[in-house]
Structures are given as C-alpha cells and as structure tokens.
Amino acid sequence: MNKLNIKVIALAVGFAFSAGAMAQSMSKDDYKAAKSRIVAEYKSAKAGCGSLSGNAKDICVARPRARKGRNS
C-alpha cells in the first residue's frame, strides 16, 4: 500500500510540472489569436440566437457565454 501511495504522489507531481510547462509554451501571439477566435465564435453563436425569444433565447445565449467563460 505504501508503494502505491508513493507512485500516486509521484504521478501527481509529474502532471503538475507538465501542465506548467504546457502553459508556458504558448506565446503572446498564440494567446491573442486564441482569445480573438473565442470571441469570434461567441459573437457568431450569439447572433444565431436572434430569431428566438423568451426562455429559448436565454438558453441559446447562455451556452456560448458559458463556453467563452470556460476558455478565456
């Protein structure tokens, strides 16, 4: 049981360092491009909700807003 705990801790530390390295590999230009892509997708999806009304429109607008918030 003790060996298993050590392996799990080592695996968790490895994942933590790999996530940090992945985050640092994105340049400022890549970040700006991804952010503008997310905003463009949000505006496009929100524009598609224009023909709806009431609760259906609220739900339609909430979905792209949630995706935008998750990605930005």
PDB file of N, CA and C in Angstrom:
ATOM      1  N   MET A   1       0.829  -1.190   0.000  1.00  0.00           N
ATOM      2  CA  MET A   1       0.000   0.000   0.000  1.00  0.00           C
ATOM      3  C   MET A   1       0.870   1.248   0.000  1.00  0.00           C
ATOM      4  N   ASN A   2       1.975   1.219   0.706  1.00  0.00           N
ATOM      5  CA  ASN A   2       2.863   2.372   0.796  1.00  0.00           C
ATOM      6  C   ASN A   2       3.483   2.687  -0.565  1.00  0.00           C
ATOM      7  N   LYS A   3       3.866   1.653  -1.321  1.00  0.00           N
ATOM      8  CA  LYS A   3       4.437   1.870  -2.649  1.00  0.00           C
ATOM      9  C   LYS A   3       3.423   2.519  -3.578  1.00  0.00           C
ATOM     10  N   LEU A   4       2.176   2.112  -3.447  1.00  0.00           N
ATOM     11  CA  LEU A   4       1.126   2.671  -4.282  1.00  0.00           C
ATOM     12  C   LEU A   4       0.958   4.161  -4.003  1.00  0.00           C
ATOM     13  N   ASN A   5       0.972   4.552  -2.748  1.00  0.00           N
ATOM     14  CA  ASN A   5       0.836   5.959  -2.398  1.00  0.00           C
ATOM     15  C   ASN A   5       1.985   6.789  -2.955  1.00  0.00           C
ATOM     16  N   ILE A   6       3.190   6.264  -2.892  1.00  0.00           N
ATOM     17  CA  ILE A   6       4.360   6.976  -3.409  1.00  0.00           C
ATOM     18  C   ILE A   6       4.236   7.138  -4.929  1.00  0.00           C
ATOM     19  N   LYS A   7       3.776   6.102  -5.604  1.00  0.00           N
ATOM     20  CA  LYS A   7       3.617   6.176  -7.056  1.00  0.00           C
ATOM     21  C   LYS A   7       2.544   7.187  -7.432  1.00  0.00           C
ATOM     22  N   VAL A   8       1.461   7.220  -6.677  1.00  0.00           N
ATOM     23  CA  VAL A   8       0.385   8.169  -6.966  1.00  0.00           C
ATOM     24  C   VAL A   8       0.872   9.598  -6.746  1.00  0.00           C
ATOM     25  N   ILE A   9       1.618   9.833  -5.689  1.00  0.00           N
ATOM     26  CA  ILE A   9       2.157  11.169  -5.418  1.00  0.00           C
ATOM     27  C   ILE A   9       3.138  11.572  -6.522  1.00  0.00           C
ATOM     28  N   ALA A  10       3.991  10.648  -6.930  1.00  0.00           N
ATOM     29  CA  ALA A  10       4.949  10.946  -7.998  1.00  0.00           C
ATOM     30  C   ALA A  10       4.227  11.260  -9.303  1.00  0.00           C
ATOM     31  N   LEU A  11       3.163  10.535  -9.586  1.00  0.00           N
ATOM     32  CA  LEU A  11       2.383  10.784 -10.791  1.00  0.00           C
ATOM     33  C   LEU A  11       1.720  12.164 -10.734  1.00  0.00           C
ATOM     34  N   ALA A  12       1.190  12.520  -9.578  1.00  0.00           N
ATOM     35  CA  ALA A  12       0.548  13.828  -9.423  1.00  0.00           C
ATOM     36  C   ALA A  12       1.550  14.959  -9.601  1.00  0.00           C
ATOM     37  N   VAL A  13       2.740  14.798  -9.045  1.00  0.00           N
ATOM     38  CA  VAL A  13       3.776  15.825  -9.199  1.00  0.00           C
ATOM     39  C   VAL A  13       4.186  15.936 -10.662  1.00  0.00           C
ATOM     40  N   GLY A  14       4.294  14.816 -11.346  1.00  0.00           N
ATOM     41  CA  GLY A  14       4.636  14.832 -12.769  1.00  0.00           C
ATOM     42  C   GLY A  14       3.604  15.558 -13.597  1.00  0.00           C
ATOM     43  N   PHE A  15       2.329  15.314 -13.313  1.00  0.00           N
ATOM     44  CA  PHE A  15       1.256  16.020 -14.023  1.00  0.00           C
ATOM     45  C   PHE A  15       1.303  17.516 -13.742  1.00  0.00           C
ATOM     46  N   ALA A  16       1.601  17.879 -12.513  1.00  0.00           N
ATOM     47  CA  ALA A  16       1.651  19.304 -12.162  1.00  0.00           C
ATOM     48  C   ALA A  16       2.747  20.016 -12.941  1.00  0.00           C
ATOM     49  N   PHE A  17       3.906  19.402 -13.043  1.00  0.00           N
ATOM     50  CA  PHE A  17       5.003  20.028 -13.782  1.00  0.00           C
ATOM     51  C   PHE A  17       4.737  20.051 -15.282  1.00  0.00           C
ATOM     52  N   SER A  18       4.099  19.018 -15.803  1.00  0.00           N
ATOM     53  CA  SER A  18       3.832  19.003 -17.243  1.00  0.00           C
ATOM     54  C   SER A  18       2.785  20.047 -17.612  1.00  0.00           C
ATOM     55  N   ALA A  19       1.812  20.289 -16.760  1.00  0.00           N
ATOM     56  CA  ALA A  19       0.807  21.318 -17.031  1.00  0.00           C
ATOM     57  C   ALA A  19       1.443  22.699 -17.017  1.00  0.00           C
ATOM     58  N   GLY A  20       2.366  22.928 -16.115  1.00  0.00           N
ATOM     59  CA  GLY A  20       3.070  24.211 -16.059  1.00  0.00           C
ATOM     60  C   GLY A  20       3.917  24.435 -17.293  1.00  0.00           C
ATOM     61  N   ALA A  21       4.569  23.400 -17.760  1.00  0.00           N
ATOM     62  CA  ALA A  21       5.398  23.520 -18.957  1.00  0.00           C
ATOM     63  C   ALA A  21       4.536  23.770 -20.182  1.00  0.00           C
ATOM     64  N   MET A  22       3.371  23.150 -20.240  1.00  0.00           N
ATOM     65  CA  MET A  22       2.491  23.340 -21.370  1.00  0.00           C
ATOM     66  C   MET A  22       1.948  24.772 -21.393  1.00  0.00           C
ATOM     67  N   ALA A  23       1.641  25.306 -20.235  1.00  0.00           N
ATOM     68  CA  ALA A  23       1.106  26.665 -20.170  1.00  0.00           C
ATOM     69  C   ALA A  23       2.162  27.687 -20.588  1.00  0.00           C
ATOM     70  N   GLN A  24       3.420  27.425 -20.303  1.00  0.00           N
ATOM     71  CA  GLN A  24       4.476  28.357 -20.638  1.00  0.00           C
ATOM     72  C   GLN A  24       4.848  28.303 -22.115  1.00  0.00           C
ATOM     73  N   SER A  25       4.451  27.269 -22.805  1.00  0.00           N
ATOM     74  CA  SER A  25       4.859  27.139 -24.204  1.00  0.00           C
ATOM     75  C   SER A  25       4.011  27.997 -25.147  1.00  0.00           C
ATOM     76  N   MET A  26       2.935  28.586 -24.667  1.00  0.00           N
ATOM     77  CA  MET A  26       2.080  29.415 -25.510  1.00  0.00           C
ATOM     78  C   MET A  26       2.634  30.832 -25.559  1.00  0.00           C
ATOM     79  N   SER A  27       2.881  31.320 -26.754  1.00  0.00           N
ATOM     80  CA  SER A  27       3.411  32.676 -26.893  1.00  0.00           C
ATOM     81  C   SER A  27       2.279  33.687 -26.763  1.00  0.00           C
ATOM     82  N   LYS A  28       2.648  34.950 -26.640  1.00  0.00           N
ATOM     83  CA  LYS A  28       1.640  36.001 -26.533  1.00  0.00           C
ATOM     84  C   LYS A  28       0.796  36.085 -27.793  1.00  0.00           C
ATOM     85  N   ASP A  29       1.418  35.895 -28.947  1.00  0.00           N
ATOM     86  CA  ASP A  29       0.678  35.935 -30.208  1.00  0.00           C
ATOM     87  C   ASP A  29      -0.326  34.782 -30.296  1.00  0.00           C
ATOM     88  N   ASP A  30       0.102  33.586 -29.841  1.00  0.00           N
ATOM     89  CA  ASP A  30      -0.812  32.444 -29.830  1.00  0.00           C
ATOM     90  C   ASP A  30      -1.988  32.708 -28.898  1.00  0.00           C
ATOM     91  N   TYR A  31      -1.700  33.298 -27.750  1.00  0.00           N
ATOM     92  CA  TYR A  31      -2.741  33.615 -26.772  1.00  0.00           C
ATOM     93  C   TYR A  31      -3.741  34.612 -27.349  1.00  0.00           C
ATOM     94  N   LYS A  32      -3.221  35.664 -27.972  1.00  0.00           N
ATOM     95  CA  LYS A  32      -4.106  36.681 -28.549  1.00  0.00           C
ATOM     96  C   LYS A  32      -4.961  36.089 -29.671  1.00  0.00           C
ATOM     97  N   ALA A  33      -4.358  35.226 -30.496  1.00  0.00           N
ATOM     98  CA  ALA A  33      -5.101  34.601 -31.591  1.00  0.00           C
ATOM     99  C   ALA A  33      -6.201  33.688 -31.047  1.00  0.00           C
ATOM    100  N   ALA A  34      -5.886  32.929 -30.018  1.00  0.00           N
ATOM    101  CA  ALA A  34      -6.885  32.040 -29.431  1.00  0.00           C
ATOM    102  C   ALA A  34      -8.007  32.840 -28.784  1.00  0.00           C
ATOM    103  N   LYS A  35      -7.648  33.916 -28.117  1.00  0.00           N
ATOM    104  CA  LYS A  35      -8.659  34.737 -27.463  1.00  0.00           C
ATOM    105  C   LYS A  35      -9.582  35.385 -28.496  1.00  0.00           C
ATOM    106  N   SER A  36      -9.034  35.894 -29.588  1.00  0.00           N
ATOM    107  CA  SER A  36      -9.895  36.505 -30.607  1.00  0.00           C
ATOM    108  C   SER A  36     -10.740  35.448 -31.318  1.00  0.00           C
ATOM    109  N   ARG A  37     -10.239  34.221 -31.454  1.00  0.00           N
ATOM    110  CA  ARG A  37     -11.038  33.137 -32.029  1.00  0.00           C
ATOM    111  C   ARG A  37     -12.222  32.824 -31.121  1.00  0.00           C
ATOM    112  N   ILE A  38     -11.995  32.794 -29.816  1.00  0.00           N
ATOM    113  CA  ILE A  38     -13.058  32.516 -28.857  1.00  0.00           C
ATOM    114  C   ILE A  38     -14.120  33.613 -28.910  1.00  0.00           C
ATOM    115  N   VAL A  39     -13.689  34.864 -28.980  1.00  0.00           N
ATOM    116  CA  VAL A  39     -14.635  35.982 -29.048  1.00  0.00           C
ATOM    117  C   VAL A  39     -15.444  35.921 -30.345  1.00  0.00           C
ATOM    118  N   ALA A  40     -14.781  35.586 -31.457  1.00  0.00           N
ATOM    119  CA  ALA A  40     -15.486  35.486 -32.736  1.00  0.00           C
ATOM    120  C   ALA A  40     -16.520  34.362 -32.709  1.00  0.00           C
ATOM    121  N   GLU A  41     -16.158  33.210 -32.123  1.00  0.00           N
ATOM    122  CA  GLU A  41     -17.102  32.104 -32.008  1.00  0.00           C
ATOM    123  C   GLU A  41     -18.285  32.498 -31.131  1.00  0.00           C
ATOM    124  N   TYR A  42     -18.020  33.235 -30.066  1.00  0.00           N
ATOM    125  CA  TYR A  42     -19.080  33.695 -29.166  1.00  0.00           C
ATOM    126  C   TYR A  42     -20.056  34.611 -29.902  1.00  0.00           C
ATOM    127  N   LYS A  43     -19.509  35.575 -30.633  1.00  0.00           N
ATOM    128  CA  LYS A  43     -20.367  36.515 -31.358  1.00  0.00           C
ATOM    129  C   LYS A  43     -21.195  35.801 -32.421  1.00  0.00           C
ATOM    130  N   SER A  44     -20.597  34.849 -33.104  1.00  0.00           N
ATOM    131  CA  SER A  44     -21.303  34.098 -34.140  1.00  0.00           C
ATOM    132  C   SER A  44     -22.439  33.270 -33.533  1.00  0.00           C
ATOM    133  N   ALA A  45     -22.149  32.578 -32.438  1.00  0.00           N
ATOM    134  CA  ALA A  45     -23.171  31.750 -31.795  1.00  0.00           C
ATOM    135  C   ALA A  45     -24.285  32.613 -31.215  1.00  0.00           C
ATOM    136  N   LYS A  46     -23.924  33.753 -30.656  1.00  0.00           N
ATOM    137  CA  LYS A  46     -24.924  34.646 -30.074  1.00  0.00           C
ATOM    138  C   LYS A  46     -25.802  35.245 -31.171  1.00  0.00           C
ATOM    139  N   ALA A  47     -25.235  35.539 -32.328  1.00  0.00           N
ATOM    140  CA  ALA A  47     -26.005  36.092 -33.441  1.00  0.00           C
ATOM    141  C   ALA A  47     -27.035  35.082 -33.948  1.00  0.00           C
ATOM    142  N   GLY A  48     -26.729  33.805 -33.829  1.00  0.00           N
ATOM    143  CA  GLY A  48     -27.655  32.766 -34.247  1.00  0.00           C
ATOM    144  C   GLY A  48     -28.887  32.675 -33.361  1.00  0.00           C
ATOM    145  N   CYS A  49     -28.856  33.323 -32.209  1.00  0.00           N
ATOM    146  CA  CYS A  49     -29.982  33.286 -31.275  1.00  0.00           C
ATOM    147  C   CYS A  49     -30.978  34.407 -31.531  1.00  0.00           C
ATOM    148  N   GLY A  50     -30.728  35.263 -32.486  1.00  0.00           N
ATOM    149  CA  GLY A  50     -31.555  36.431 -32.729  1.00  0.00           C
ATOM    150  C   GLY A  50     -32.998  36.128 -33.075  1.00  0.00           C
ATOM    151  N   SER A  51     -33.248  35.000 -33.724  1.00  0.00           N
ATOM    152  CA  SER A  51     -34.613  34.690 -34.142  1.00  0.00           C
ATOM    153  C   SER A  51     -35.445  34.082 -33.020  1.00  0.00           C
ATOM    154  N   LEU A  52     -34.820  33.720 -31.922  1.00  0.00           N
ATOM    155  CA  LEU A  52     -35.538  33.100 -30.811  1.00  0.00           C
ATOM    156  C   LEU A  52     -36.063  34.163 -29.850  1.00  0.00           C
ATOM    157  N   SER A  53     -36.958  33.746 -28.961  1.00  0.00           N
ATOM    158  CA  SER A  53     -37.456  34.668 -27.954  1.00  0.00           C
ATOM    159  C   SER A  53     -37.747  33.905 -26.667  1.00  0.00           C
ATOM    160  N   GLY A  54     -37.864  34.642 -25.585  1.00  0.00           N
ATOM    161  CA  GLY A  54     -38.216  34.049 -24.303  1.00  0.00           C
ATOM    162  C   GLY A  54     -37.131  33.159 -23.733  1.00  0.00           C
ATOM    163  N   ASN A  55     -37.559  32.064 -23.123  1.00  0.00           N
ATOM    164  CA  ASN A  55     -36.643  31.146 -22.459  1.00  0.00           C
ATOM    165  C   ASN A  55     -35.687  30.488 -23.454  1.00  0.00           C
ATOM    166  N   ALA A  56     -36.158  30.178 -24.634  1.00  0.00           N
ATOM    167  CA  ALA A  56     -35.297  29.550 -25.644  1.00  0.00           C
ATOM    168  C   ALA A  56     -34.121  30.464 -25.988  1.00  0.00           C
ATOM    169  N   LYS A  57     -34.386  31.773 -26.075  1.00  0.00           N
ATOM    170  CA  LYS A  57     -33.307  32.720 -26.376  1.00  0.00           C
ATOM    171  C   LYS A  57     -32.338  32.812 -25.203  1.00  0.00           C
ATOM    172  N   ASP A  58     -32.863  32.818 -23.980  1.00  0.00           N
ATOM    173  CA  ASP A  58     -32.000  32.869 -22.802  1.00  0.00           C
ATOM    174  C   ASP A  58     -31.047  31.683 -22.768  1.00  0.00           C
ATOM    175  N   ILE A  59     -31.570  30.506 -23.062  1.00  0.00           N
ATOM    176  CA  ILE A  59     -30.735  29.300 -23.077  1.00  0.00           C
ATOM    177  C   ILE A  59     -29.740  29.359 -24.223  1.00  0.00           C
ATOM    178  N   CYS A  60     -30.194  29.821 -25.365  1.00  0.00           N
ATOM    179  CA  CYS A  60     -29.319  29.913 -26.537  1.00  0.00           C
ATOM    180  C   CYS A  60     -28.155  30.866 -26.285  1.00  0.00           C
ATOM    181  N   VAL A  61     -28.396  31.967 -25.594  1.00  0.00           N
ATOM    182  CA  VAL A  61     -27.348  32.943 -25.300  1.00  0.00           C
ATOM    183  C   VAL A  61     -26.439  32.436 -24.179  1.00  0.00           C
ATOM    184  N   ALA A  62     -26.988  31.672 -23.248  1.00  0.00           N
ATOM    185  CA  ALA A  62     -26.199  31.188 -22.112  1.00  0.00           C
ATOM    186  C   ALA A  62     -25.134  30.179 -22.530  1.00  0.00           C
ATOM    187  N   ARG A  63     -25.427  29.363 -23.524  1.00  0.00           N
ATOM    188  CA  ARG A  63     -24.453  28.340 -23.942  1.00  0.00           C
ATOM    189  C   ARG A  63     -23.156  28.950 -24.462  1.00  0.00           C
ATOM    190  N   PRO A  64     -23.195  29.877 -25.421  1.00  0.00           N
ATOM    191  CA  PRO A  64     -21.917  30.451 -25.873  1.00  0.00           C
ATOM    192  C   PRO A  64     -21.221  31.245 -24.778  1.00  0.00           C
ATOM    193  N   ARG A  65     -22.003  31.874 -23.903  1.00  0.00           N
ATOM    194  CA  ARG A  65     -21.405  32.632 -22.805  1.00  0.00           C
ATOM    195  C   ARG A  65     -20.643  31.688 -21.881  1.00  0.00           C
ATOM    196  N   ALA A  66     -21.182  30.504 -21.631  1.00  0.00           N
ATOM    197  CA  ALA A  66     -20.512  29.526 -20.784  1.00  0.00           C
ATOM    198  C   ALA A  66     -19.236  29.013 -21.448  1.00  0.00           C
ATOM    199  N   ARG A  67     -19.300  28.745 -22.762  1.00  0.00           N
ATOM    200  CA  ARG A  67     -18.099  28.302 -23.473  1.00  0.00           C
ATOM    201  C   ARG A  67     -17.030  29.374 -23.476  1.00  0.00           C
ATOM    202  N   LYS A  68     -17.438  30.623 -23.642  1.00  0.00           N
ATOM    203  CA  LYS A  68     -16.480  31.729 -23.655  1.00  0.00           C
ATOM    204  C   LYS A  68     -15.827  31.864 -22.287  1.00  0.00           C
ATOM    205  N   GLY A  69     -16.603  31.766 -21.237  1.00  0.00           N
ATOM    206  CA  GLY A  69     -16.063  31.892 -19.886  1.00  0.00           C
ATOM    207  C   GLY A  69     -15.131  30.751 -19.532  1.00  0.00           C
ATOM    208  N   ARG A  70     -15.408  29.582 -20.026  1.00  0.00           N
ATOM    209  CA  ARG A  70     -14.577  28.417 -19.745  1.00  0.00           C
ATOM    210  C   ARG A  70     -13.242  28.520 -20.463  1.00  0.00           C
ATOM    211  N   ASN A  71     -13.212  29.130 -21.617  1.00  0.00           N
ATOM    212  CA  ASN A  71     -11.995  29.193 -22.435  1.00  0.00           C
ATOM    213  C   ASN A  71     -11.183  30.451 -22.232  1.00  0.00           C
ATOM    214  N   SER A  72     -11.737  31.447 -21.635  1.00  0.00           N
ATOM    215  CA  SER A  72     -10.961  32.689 -21.512  1.00  0.00           C
ATOM    216  C   SER A  72     -10.389  32.861 -20.146  1.00  0.00           C
TER     217      SER A  72
END
